[in-house]
PDB file of N, CA and C in Angstrom:
ATOM      1  N   MET A   1      86.385  87.853 118.302  1.00  0.00           N
ATOM      2  CA  MET A   1      87.350  88.230 117.277  1.00  0.00           C
ATOM      3  C   MET A   1      86.592  88.822 116.090  1.00  0.00           C
ATOM      4  N   GLU A   2      87.051  89.961 115.614  1.00  0.00           N
ATOM      5  CA  GLU A   2      86.393  90.639 114.497  1.00  0.00           C
ATOM      6  C   GLU A   2      86.784  89.990 113.167  1.00  0.00           C
ATOM      7  N   GLU A   3      85.784  89.776 112.315  1.00  0.00           N
ATOM      8  CA  GLU A   3      86.023  89.163 111.010  1.00  0.00           C
ATOM      9  C   GLU A   3      86.702  90.168 110.088  1.00  0.00           C
ATOM     10  N   LYS A   4      87.740  89.727 109.386  1.00  0.00           N
ATOM     11  CA  LYS A   4      88.454  90.602 108.462  1.00  0.00           C
ATOM     12  C   LYS A   4      87.560  90.941 107.272  1.00  0.00           C
ATOM     13  N   GLU A   5      87.515  92.218 106.942  1.00  0.00           N
ATOM     14  CA  GLU A   5      86.708  92.680 105.812  1.00  0.00           C
ATOM     15  C   GLU A   5      87.342  92.220 104.504  1.00  0.00           C
ATOM     16  N   ILE A   6      86.534  91.637 103.662  1.00  0.00           N
ATOM     17  CA  ILE A   6      87.012  91.133 102.370  1.00  0.00           C
ATOM     18  C   ILE A   6      86.956  92.266 101.343  1.00  0.00           C
ATOM     19  N   SER A   7      87.934  92.317 100.468  1.00  0.00           N
ATOM     20  CA  SER A   7      87.985  93.389  99.480  1.00  0.00           C
ATOM     21  C   SER A   7      87.010  93.129  98.335  1.00  0.00           C
ATOM     22  N   PHE A   8      86.630  94.190  97.663  1.00  0.00           N
ATOM     23  CA  PHE A   8      85.739  94.089  96.511  1.00  0.00           C
ATOM     24  C   PHE A   8      86.353  93.193  95.448  1.00  0.00           C
ATOM     25  N   GLU A   9      87.646  93.343  95.229  1.00  0.00           N
ATOM     26  CA  GLU A   9      88.338  92.546  94.215  1.00  0.00           C
ATOM     27  C   GLU A   9      88.303  91.056  94.554  1.00  0.00           C
ATOM     28  N   GLU A  10      88.470  90.723  95.836  1.00  0.00           N
ATOM     29  CA  GLU A  10      88.425  89.326  96.254  1.00  0.00           C
ATOM     30  C   GLU A  10      87.015  88.765  96.091  1.00  0.00           C
ATOM     31  N   ILE A  11      86.012  89.575  96.401  1.00  0.00           N
ATOM     32  CA  ILE A  11      84.627  89.145  96.213  1.00  0.00           C
ATOM     33  C   ILE A  11      84.366  88.841  94.744  1.00  0.00           C
ATOM     34  N   MET A  12      84.824  89.717  93.865  1.00  0.00           N
ATOM     35  CA  MET A  12      84.605  89.506  92.434  1.00  0.00           C
ATOM     36  C   MET A  12      85.317  88.237  91.956  1.00  0.00           C
ATOM     37  N   LYS A  13      86.512  87.995  92.471  1.00  0.00           N
ATOM     38  CA  LYS A  13      87.252  86.779  92.112  1.00  0.00           C
ATOM     39  C   LYS A  13      86.468  85.540  92.548  1.00  0.00           C
ATOM     40  N   GLN A  14      85.943  85.568  93.773  1.00  0.00           N
ATOM     41  CA  GLN A  14      85.167  84.436  94.271  1.00  0.00           C
ATOM     42  C   GLN A  14      83.880  84.257  93.468  1.00  0.00           C
ATOM     43  N   LEU A  15      83.240  85.356  93.102  1.00  0.00           N
ATOM     44  CA  LEU A  15      82.029  85.277  92.282  1.00  0.00           C
ATOM     45  C   LEU A  15      82.319  84.631  90.932  1.00  0.00           C
ATOM     46  N   GLU A  16      83.451  84.972  90.336  1.00  0.00           N
ATOM     47  CA  GLU A  16      83.840  84.367  89.057  1.00  0.00           C
ATOM     48  C   GLU A  16      84.038  82.860  89.213  1.00  0.00           C
ATOM     49  N   GLU A  17      84.651  82.444  90.331  1.00  0.00           N
ATOM     50  CA  GLU A  17      84.873  81.024  90.582  1.00  0.00           C
ATOM     51  C   GLU A  17      83.546  80.286  90.764  1.00  0.00           C
ATOM     52  N   VAL A  18      82.626  80.887  91.525  1.00  0.00           N
ATOM     53  CA  VAL A  18      81.314  80.277  91.743  1.00  0.00           C
ATOM     54  C   VAL A  18      80.571  80.148  90.414  1.00  0.00           C
ATOM     55  N   THR A  19      80.588  81.218  89.627  1.00  0.00           N
ATOM     56  CA  THR A  19      79.917  81.200  88.326  1.00  0.00           C
ATOM     57  C   THR A  19      80.494  80.117  87.435  1.00  0.00           C
ATOM     58  N   SER A  20      81.800  80.000  87.410  1.00  0.00           N
ATOM     59  CA  SER A  20      82.465  78.993  86.590  1.00  0.00           C
ATOM     60  C   SER A  20      82.047  77.583  87.006  1.00  0.00           C
ATOM     61  N   GLU A  21      82.016  77.347  88.319  1.00  0.00           N
ATOM     62  CA  GLU A  21      81.624  76.029  88.805  1.00  0.00           C
ATOM     63  C   GLU A  21      80.168  75.720  88.447  1.00  0.00           C
ATOM     64  N   LEU A  22      79.292  76.707  88.563  1.00  0.00           N
ATOM     65  CA  LEU A  22      77.884  76.488  88.230  1.00  0.00           C
ATOM     66  C   LEU A  22      77.700  76.265  86.731  1.00  0.00           C
ATOM     67  N   GLU A  23      78.464  76.978  85.910  1.00  0.00           N
ATOM     68  CA  GLU A  23      78.330  76.846  84.458  1.00  0.00           C
ATOM     69  C   GLU A  23      78.804  75.490  83.947  1.00  0.00           C
ATOM     70  N   LYS A  24      79.730  74.864  84.654  1.00  0.00           N
ATOM     71  CA  LYS A  24      80.214  73.542  84.242  1.00  0.00           C
ATOM     72  C   LYS A  24      79.086  72.526  84.245  1.00  0.00           C
ATOM     73  N   GLY A  25      78.151  72.684  85.190  1.00  0.00           N
ATOM     74  CA  GLY A  25      76.994  71.802  85.238  1.00  0.00           C
ATOM     75  C   GLY A  25      77.251  70.420  85.801  1.00  0.00           C
ATOM     76  N   ASP A  26      78.403  70.212  86.441  1.00  0.00           N
ATOM     77  CA  ASP A  26      78.683  68.874  86.964  1.00  0.00           C
ATOM     78  C   ASP A  26      78.450  68.755  88.474  1.00  0.00           C
ATOM     79  N   LEU A  27      77.818  69.747  89.087  1.00  0.00           N
ATOM     80  CA  LEU A  27      77.494  69.684  90.511  1.00  0.00           C
ATOM     81  C   LEU A  27      76.141  69.013  90.702  1.00  0.00           C
ATOM     82  N   ASN A  28      76.011  68.278  91.805  1.00  0.00           N
ATOM     83  CA  ASN A  28      74.684  67.749  92.101  1.00  0.00           C
ATOM     84  C   ASN A  28      73.807  68.914  92.567  1.00  0.00           C
ATOM     85  N   LEU A  29      72.516  68.681  92.673  1.00  0.00           N
ATOM     86  CA  LEU A  29      71.570  69.756  92.974  1.00  0.00           C
ATOM     87  C   LEU A  29      71.893  70.454  94.285  1.00  0.00           C
ATOM     88  N   GLU A  30      72.172  69.683  95.333  1.00  0.00           N
ATOM     89  CA  GLU A  30      72.460  70.272  96.643  1.00  0.00           C
ATOM     90  C   GLU A  30      73.698  71.178  96.597  1.00  0.00           C
ATOM     91  N   ASP A  31      74.766  70.712  95.958  1.00  0.00           N
ATOM     92  CA  ASP A  31      75.982  71.512  95.843  1.00  0.00           C
ATOM     93  C   ASP A  31      75.749  72.750  94.983  1.00  0.00           C
ATOM     94  N   ALA A  32      74.962  72.603  93.921  1.00  0.00           N
ATOM     95  CA  ALA A  32      74.657  73.740  93.054  1.00  0.00           C
ATOM     96  C   ALA A  32      73.878  74.814  93.815  1.00  0.00           C
ATOM     97  N   VAL A  33      72.934  74.376  94.640  1.00  0.00           N
ATOM     98  CA  VAL A  33      72.153  75.333  95.435  1.00  0.00           C
ATOM     99  C   VAL A  33      73.052  76.038  96.452  1.00  0.00           C
ATOM    100  N   LYS A  34      73.963  75.298  97.081  1.00  0.00           N
ATOM    101  CA  LYS A  34      74.904  75.907  98.034  1.00  0.00           C
ATOM    102  C   LYS A  34      75.801  76.928  97.337  1.00  0.00           C
ATOM    103  N   LYS A  35      76.280  76.598  96.145  1.00  0.00           N
ATOM    104  CA  LYS A  35      77.116  77.533  95.388  1.00  0.00           C
ATOM    105  C   LYS A  35      76.322  78.780  95.008  1.00  0.00           C
ATOM    106  N   PHE A  36      75.063  78.557  94.614  1.00  0.00           N
ATOM    107  CA  PHE A  36      74.203  79.683  94.257  1.00  0.00           C
ATOM    108  C   PHE A  36      73.987  80.588  95.467  1.00  0.00           C
ATOM    109  N   GLU A  37      73.740  80.001  96.641  1.00  0.00           N
ATOM    110  CA  GLU A  37      73.568  80.788  97.868  1.00  0.00           C
ATOM    111  C   GLU A  37      74.832  81.585  98.178  1.00  0.00           C
ATOM    112  N   LEU A  38      75.995  80.951  98.027  1.00  0.00           N
ATOM    113  CA  LEU A  38      77.261  81.639  98.245  1.00  0.00           C
ATOM    114  C   LEU A  38      77.396  82.806  97.275  1.00  0.00           C
ATOM    115  N   GLY A  39      77.059  82.567  96.028  1.00  0.00           N
ATOM    116  CA  GLY A  39      77.128  83.628  95.024  1.00  0.00           C
ATOM    117  C   GLY A  39      76.220  84.797  95.366  1.00  0.00           C
ATOM    118  N   MET A  40      75.032  84.506  95.872  1.00  0.00           N
ATOM    119  CA  MET A  40      74.104  85.568  96.261  1.00  0.00           C
ATOM    120  C   MET A  40      74.654  86.380  97.441  1.00  0.00           C
ATOM    121  N   GLU A  41      75.260  85.691  98.414  1.00  0.00           N
ATOM    122  CA  GLU A  41      75.870  86.381  99.551  1.00  0.00           C
ATOM    123  C   GLU A  41      77.018  87.282  99.092  1.00  0.00           C
ATOM    124  N   LEU A  42      77.858  86.754  98.222  1.00  0.00           N
ATOM    125  CA  LEU A  42      78.978  87.540  97.697  1.00  0.00           C
ATOM    126  C   LEU A  42      78.479  88.742  96.910  1.00  0.00           C
ATOM    127  N   SER A  43      77.451  88.535  96.114  1.00  0.00           N
ATOM    128  CA  SER A  43      76.872  89.617  95.334  1.00  0.00           C
ATOM    129  C   SER A  43      76.331  90.713  96.242  1.00  0.00           C
ATOM    130  N   LYS A  44      75.681  90.324  97.320  1.00  0.00           N
ATOM    131  CA  LYS A  44      75.136  91.295  98.275  1.00  0.00           C
ATOM    132  C   LYS A  44      76.263  92.103  98.917  1.00  0.00           C
ATOM    133  N   LYS A  45      77.346  91.417  99.311  1.00  0.00           N
ATOM    134  CA  LYS A  45      78.493  92.106  99.903  1.00  0.00           C
ATOM    135  C   LYS A  45      79.107  93.090  98.906  1.00  0.00           C
ATOM    136  N   ALA A  46      79.250  92.652  97.656  1.00  0.00           N
ATOM    137  CA  ALA A  46      79.826  93.531  96.629  1.00  0.00           C
ATOM    138  C   ALA A  46      78.946  94.761  96.435  1.00  0.00           C
ATOM    139  N   ASN A  47      77.652  94.562  96.404  1.00  0.00           N
ATOM    140  CA  ASN A  47      76.725  95.669  96.239  1.00  0.00           C
ATOM    141  C   ASN A  47      76.819  96.646  97.409  1.00  0.00           C
ATOM    142  N   GLU A  48      76.939  96.135  98.637  1.00  0.00           N
ATOM    143  CA  GLU A  48      77.079  96.987  99.811  1.00  0.00           C
ATOM    144  C   GLU A  48      78.348  97.829  99.726  1.00  0.00           C
ATOM    145  N   ILE A  49      79.439  97.210  99.294  1.00  0.00           N
ATOM    146  CA  ILE A  49      80.704  97.944  99.153  1.00  0.00           C
ATOM    147  C   ILE A  49      80.552  99.047  98.110  1.00  0.00           C
ATOM    148  N   LEU A  50      79.919  98.727  96.986  1.00  0.00           N
ATOM    149  CA  LEU A  50      79.723  99.729  95.936  1.00  0.00           C
ATOM    150  C   LEU A  50      78.858 100.883  96.423  1.00  0.00           C
ATOM    151  N   GLU A  51      77.810 100.576  97.166  1.00  0.00           N
ATOM    152  CA  GLU A  51      76.936 101.625  97.684  1.00  0.00           C
ATOM    153  C   GLU A  51      77.679 102.526  98.658  1.00  0.00           C
ATOM    154  N   LYS A  52      78.483 101.932  99.553  1.00  0.00           N
ATOM    155  CA  LYS A  52      79.263 102.721 100.504  1.00  0.00           C
ATOM    156  C   LYS A  52      80.259 103.612  99.759  1.00  0.00           C
ATOM    157  N   SER A  53      80.904 103.046  98.738  1.00  0.00           N
ATOM    158  CA  SER A  53      81.887 103.810  97.972  1.00  0.00           C
ATOM    159  C   SER A  53      81.224 104.959  97.230  1.00  0.00           C
ATOM    160  N   GLU A  54      80.069 104.698  96.655  1.00  0.00           N
ATOM    161  CA  GLU A  54      79.355 105.738  95.918  1.00  0.00           C
ATOM    162  C   GLU A  54      78.997 106.900  96.828  1.00  0.00           C
ATOM    163  N   LYS A  55      78.601 106.592  98.065  1.00  0.00           N
ATOM    164  CA  LYS A  55      78.252 107.640  99.016  1.00  0.00           C
ATOM    165  C   LYS A  55      79.461 108.479  99.403  1.00  0.00           C
ATOM    166  N   ARG A  56      80.634 107.853  99.376  1.00  0.00           N
ATOM    167  CA  ARG A  56      81.853 108.553  99.785  1.00  0.00           C
ATOM    168  C   ARG A  56      82.439 109.442  98.687  1.00  0.00           C
ATOM    169  N   ILE A  57      82.079 109.132  97.437  1.00  0.00           N
ATOM    170  CA  ILE A  57      82.666 109.876  96.325  1.00  0.00           C
ATOM    171  C   ILE A  57      82.043 111.267  96.259  1.00  0.00           C
ATOM    172  N   THR A  58      82.843 112.259  96.344  1.00  0.00           N
ATOM    173  CA  THR A  58      82.351 113.628  96.245  1.00  0.00           C
ATOM    174  C   THR A  58      83.256 114.430  95.317  1.00  0.00           C
ATOM    175  N   ILE A  59      82.695 115.516  94.831  1.00  0.00           N
ATOM    176  CA  ILE A  59      83.469 116.436  94.001  1.00  0.00           C
ATOM    177  C   ILE A  59      83.544 117.765  94.725  1.00  0.00           C
ATOM    178  N   LEU A  60      84.732 118.287  94.833  1.00  0.00           N
ATOM    179  CA  LEU A  60      84.907 119.598  95.431  1.00  0.00           C
ATOM    180  C   LEU A  60      84.876 120.642  94.317  1.00  0.00           C
ATOM    181  N   ILE A  61      83.994 121.584  94.467  1.00  0.00           N
ATOM    182  CA  ILE A  61      83.836 122.630  93.455  1.00  0.00           C
ATOM    183  C   ILE A  61      84.147 123.977  94.103  1.00  0.00           C
ATOM    184  N   GLU A  62      85.026 124.710  93.479  1.00  0.00           N
ATOM    185  CA  GLU A  62      85.336 126.033  93.998  1.00  0.00           C
ATOM    186  C   GLU A  62      84.206 126.978  93.597  1.00  0.00           C
ATOM    187  N   ASN A  63      83.624 127.614  94.589  1.00  0.00           N
ATOM    188  CA  ASN A  63      82.494 128.509  94.360  1.00  0.00           C
ATOM    189  C   ASN A  63      82.732 129.816  95.100  1.00  0.00           C
ATOM    190  N   GLU A  64      83.079 130.852  94.354  1.00  0.00           N
ATOM    191  CA  GLU A  64      83.329 132.175  94.918  1.00  0.00           C
ATOM    192  C   GLU A  64      84.339 132.126  96.053  1.00  0.00           C
ATOM    193  N   GLY A  65      85.418 131.433  95.836  1.00  0.00           N
ATOM    194  CA  GLY A  65      86.491 131.361  96.815  1.00  0.00           C
ATOM    195  C   GLY A  65      86.254 130.353  97.919  1.00  0.00           C
ATOM    196  N   GLN A  66      85.099 129.745  97.954  1.00  0.00           N
ATOM    197  CA  GLN A  66      84.805 128.738  98.966  1.00  0.00           C
ATOM    198  C   GLN A  66      84.683 127.379  98.295  1.00  0.00           C
ATOM    199  N   LEU A  67      85.055 126.372  99.010  1.00  0.00           N
ATOM    200  CA  LEU A  67      84.919 125.021  98.475  1.00  0.00           C
ATOM    201  C   LEU A  67      83.545 124.490  98.839  1.00  0.00           C
ATOM    202  N   LYS A  68      82.878 123.979  97.854  1.00  0.00           N
ATOM    203  CA  LYS A  68      81.547 123.421  98.051  1.00  0.00           C
ATOM    204  C   LYS A  68      81.619 121.930  97.752  1.00  0.00           C
ATOM    205  N   GLU A  69      81.134 121.120  98.673  1.00  0.00           N
ATOM    206  CA  GLU A  69      81.165 119.676  98.490  1.00  0.00           C
ATOM    207  C   GLU A  69      79.813 119.218  97.953  1.00  0.00           C
ATOM    208  N   GLU A  70      79.868 118.464  96.849  1.00  0.00           N
ATOM    209  CA  GLU A  70      78.644 117.944  96.256  1.00  0.00           C
ATOM    210  C   GLU A  70      78.786 116.451  96.052  1.00  0.00           C
ATOM    211  N   ASN A  71      77.682 115.751  96.063  1.00  0.00           N
ATOM    212  CA  ASN A  71      77.701 114.316  95.797  1.00  0.00           C
ATOM    213  C   ASN A  71      78.096 114.074  94.352  1.00  0.00           C
ATOM    214  N   PHE A  72      78.820 113.002  94.138  1.00  0.00           N
ATOM    215  CA  PHE A  72      79.234 112.608  92.811  1.00  0.00           C
ATOM    216  C   PHE A  72      78.041 111.993  92.071  1.00  0.00           C
ATOM    217  N   VAL A  73      77.781 112.478  90.879  1.00  0.00           N
ATOM    218  CA  VAL A  73      76.720 111.916  90.053  1.00  0.00           C
ATOM    219  C   VAL A  73      77.347 111.498  88.738  1.00  0.00           C
ATOM    220  N   GLN A  74      77.253 110.208  88.426  1.00  0.00           N
ATOM    221  CA  GLN A  74      77.841 109.685  87.197  1.00  0.00           C
ATOM    222  C   GLN A  74      76.915 109.975  86.040  1.00  0.00           C
ATOM    223  N   SER A  75      77.460 110.584  84.988  1.00  0.00           N
ATOM    224  CA  SER A  75      76.654 110.859  83.816  1.00  0.00           C
ATOM    225  C   SER A  75      76.577 109.613  82.956  1.00  0.00           C
ATOM    226  N   GLU A  76      75.400 109.385  82.362  1.00  0.00           N
ATOM    227  CA  GLU A  76      75.213 108.224  81.491  1.00  0.00           C
ATOM    228  C   GLU A  76      75.604 108.605  80.080  1.00  0.00           C
ATOM    229  N   GLY A  77      76.181 107.633  79.387  1.00  0.00           N
ATOM    230  CA  GLY A  77      76.460 107.879  77.980  1.00  0.00           C
ATOM    231  C   GLY A  77      77.854 107.792  77.719  1.00  0.00           C
TER     232      GLY A  77
END
């Protein structure tokens, strides 16, 4: 059975919950380490989704009557 892909928004929600639980400071060491590991896994998944999305984002530019596809580059500032 194929595992259902989790959305970026759901990952961020879970990361917020993990962070909140860790910040409370009332977990024993073993539970805190497990939560931290979960947070790292979620962070990795979120990063993978962002990287895939960034690769997919393109800008179509009309160039002499032809459409030219270029990678999206975010300007800083």
